Amino acid sequence: MPSHRLLRVRELLKREIGQAIRREIPVDQAGLITVNDVDIAGDLRQATAYISILGSAEQQRTGIAMLRKHRRRLQGLVAKAVILKYTPQLRFVIDDSIARGNKVLAIIEELERNAPAT
C-alpha cells in the first residue's frame, strides 16, 4: 500500500500532466488525450502516465508519437507546477483498460440477450 504522501503526489502529477497535455498537444491532430493514472517510483524520480486517446487510429498513433516527442517539454511544465526535490522522468503508456472493459460489457450483454428466459 503506497503511503499517503505518494498517493497525493500521484494525484497531483495526474492533474498537472493532463493540464500540460491539454495546453501543448492539439486535439485535432492527436485526438482527445486523457491521463487515466500515474504510477510513480518510491524515490519520485520516474513516473509512468497511463493515457487513453479518443480518436481515429491515425490520431492515436500521432498522439502517442507527439507525447513521446514532447516529453521533455511536458516534463518541464509539470516541474514548474509541482514543486518536488526531483522532477520525475515521465514515460507515457497507452492504457487500453477502458477498451477491454467495454469489450467485456459487450460480451456480457450478448450473453444476456441470448440467455433462455426462466
Protein backbone atom coordinates (compact mmCIF):
# COMPACT_ATOMS: atom_id res chain seq x y z
CA MET A 1 0.00 0.00 0.00
CA PRO A 2 1.55 3.31 -1.07
CA SER A 3 1.98 6.00 1.53
CA HIS A 4 -0.47 8.86 1.85
CA ARG A 5 2.16 11.27 0.52
CA LEU A 6 2.81 9.10 -2.53
CA LEU A 7 -0.92 8.96 -3.28
CA ARG A 8 -1.17 12.76 -3.07
CA VAL A 9 1.84 13.19 -5.37
CA ARG A 10 0.32 10.72 -7.86
CA GLU A 11 -2.96 12.65 -7.99
CA LEU A 12 -1.15 15.98 -8.29
CA LEU A 13 1.02 14.67 -11.13
CA LYS A 14 -2.03 13.20 -12.87
CA ARG A 15 -3.78 16.57 -12.82
CA GLU A 16 -0.75 18.59 -13.89
CA ILE A 17 0.27 16.20 -16.68
CA GLY A 18 -3.29 16.36 -18.01
CA GLN A 19 -3.27 20.15 -17.98
CA ALA A 20 0.13 20.29 -19.71
CA ILE A 21 -1.08 17.89 -22.41
CA ARG A 22 -4.23 19.98 -22.99
CA ARG A 23 -2.10 23.11 -23.42
CA GLU A 24 0.62 21.62 -25.64
CA ILE A 25 -0.93 18.89 -27.79
CA PRO A 26 -3.61 19.96 -30.32
CA VAL A 27 -6.78 17.84 -30.15
CA ASP A 28 -7.42 17.99 -33.90
CA GLN A 29 -4.10 16.28 -34.65
CA ALA A 30 -3.69 13.89 -31.71
CA GLY A 31 -7.25 13.22 -30.57
CA LEU A 32 -8.50 13.74 -27.05
CA ILE A 33 -5.76 12.58 -24.66
CA THR A 34 -6.67 11.81 -21.06
CA VAL A 35 -4.45 10.71 -18.21
CA ASN A 36 -6.11 7.71 -16.53
CA ASP A 37 -3.48 7.07 -13.86
CA VAL A 38 0.07 7.84 -12.86
CA ASP A 39 2.40 5.31 -11.26
CA ILE A 40 5.40 6.81 -9.54
CA ALA A 41 8.56 5.23 -8.19
CA GLY A 42 9.16 5.35 -4.44
CA ASP A 43 12.07 7.78 -4.87
CA LEU A 44 9.88 10.07 -7.06
CA ARG A 45 12.40 10.05 -9.90
CA GLN A 46 10.32 8.20 -12.50
CA ALA A 47 6.64 8.36 -13.32
CA THR A 48 4.59 6.35 -15.77
CA ALA A 49 1.48 8.09 -17.09
CA TYR A 50 -1.22 5.74 -18.35
CA ILE A 51 -3.13 7.55 -21.07
CA SER A 52 -6.03 6.90 -23.36
CA ILE A 53 -6.58 8.62 -26.68
CA LEU A 54 -10.06 9.14 -28.04
CA GLY A 55 -9.99 9.50 -31.81
CA SER A 56 -9.21 7.67 -35.01
CA ALA A 57 -6.40 5.14 -35.27
CA GLU A 58 -4.28 7.74 -37.07
CA GLN A 59 -4.91 10.28 -34.29
CA GLN A 60 -3.94 7.68 -31.69
CA ARG A 61 -0.65 6.95 -33.45
CA THR A 62 0.02 10.66 -33.85
CA GLY A 63 -0.96 11.32 -30.22
CA ILE A 64 1.46 8.83 -28.69
CA ALA A 65 4.22 9.98 -31.06
CA MET A 66 3.65 13.61 -30.07
CA LEU A 67 3.66 12.74 -26.38
CA ARG A 68 6.96 10.94 -26.70
CA LYS A 69 8.43 13.71 -28.86
CA HIS A 70 7.37 16.49 -26.46
CA ARG A 71 8.12 14.52 -23.27
CA ARG A 72 10.83 16.91 -22.09
CA ARG A 73 8.66 19.97 -22.67
CA LEU A 74 5.75 18.39 -20.78
CA GLN A 75 8.12 17.35 -18.01
CA GLY A 76 9.34 20.95 -17.74
CA LEU A 77 5.79 22.29 -17.47
CA VAL A 78 5.00 19.77 -14.77
CA ALA A 79 8.21 20.72 -12.93
CA LYS A 80 7.10 24.37 -12.84
CA ALA A 81 3.68 23.45 -11.48
CA VAL A 82 4.72 20.77 -8.97
CA ILE A 83 7.50 21.63 -6.56
CA LEU A 84 9.42 18.46 -5.70
CA LYS A 85 13.07 17.85 -4.91
CA TYR A 86 13.35 15.86 -8.15
CA THR A 87 11.10 16.17 -11.15
CA PRO A 88 10.10 12.66 -12.17
CA GLN A 89 11.12 11.50 -15.61
CA LEU A 90 7.88 10.91 -17.49
CA ARG A 91 7.02 7.85 -19.51
CA PHE A 92 3.77 7.54 -21.47
CA VAL A 93 1.98 4.22 -21.87
CA ILE A 94 -1.30 3.57 -23.69
CA ASP A 95 -3.91 2.33 -21.23
CA ASP A 96 -6.36 0.06 -23.02
CA SER A 97 -8.28 -0.93 -19.89
CA ILE A 98 -11.32 1.12 -20.93
CA ALA A 99 -11.48 -0.60 -24.33
CA ARG A 100 -11.08 -4.02 -22.67
CA GLY A 101 -13.81 -3.14 -20.17
CA ASN A 102 -16.16 -2.11 -22.96
CA LYS A 103 -15.45 -5.37 -24.77
CA VAL A 104 -16.27 -7.39 -21.64
CA LEU A 105 -19.51 -5.43 -21.16
CA ALA A 106 -20.49 -6.09 -24.79
CA ILE A 107 -19.88 -9.83 -24.30
CA ILE A 108 -22.00 -9.84 -21.13
CA GLU A 109 -24.83 -8.00 -22.92
CA GLU A 110 -24.67 -10.51 -25.79
CA LEU A 111 -24.85 -13.41 -23.35
CA GLU A 112 -27.82 -11.85 -21.56
CA ARG A 113 -29.69 -11.37 -24.86
CA ASN A 114 -29.09 -14.98 -25.89
CA ALA A 115 -29.86 -16.50 -22.47
CA PRO A 116 -33.08 -18.53 -22.29
CA ALA A 117 -35.87 -16.90 -20.27
CA THR A 118 -36.58 -18.65 -16.97
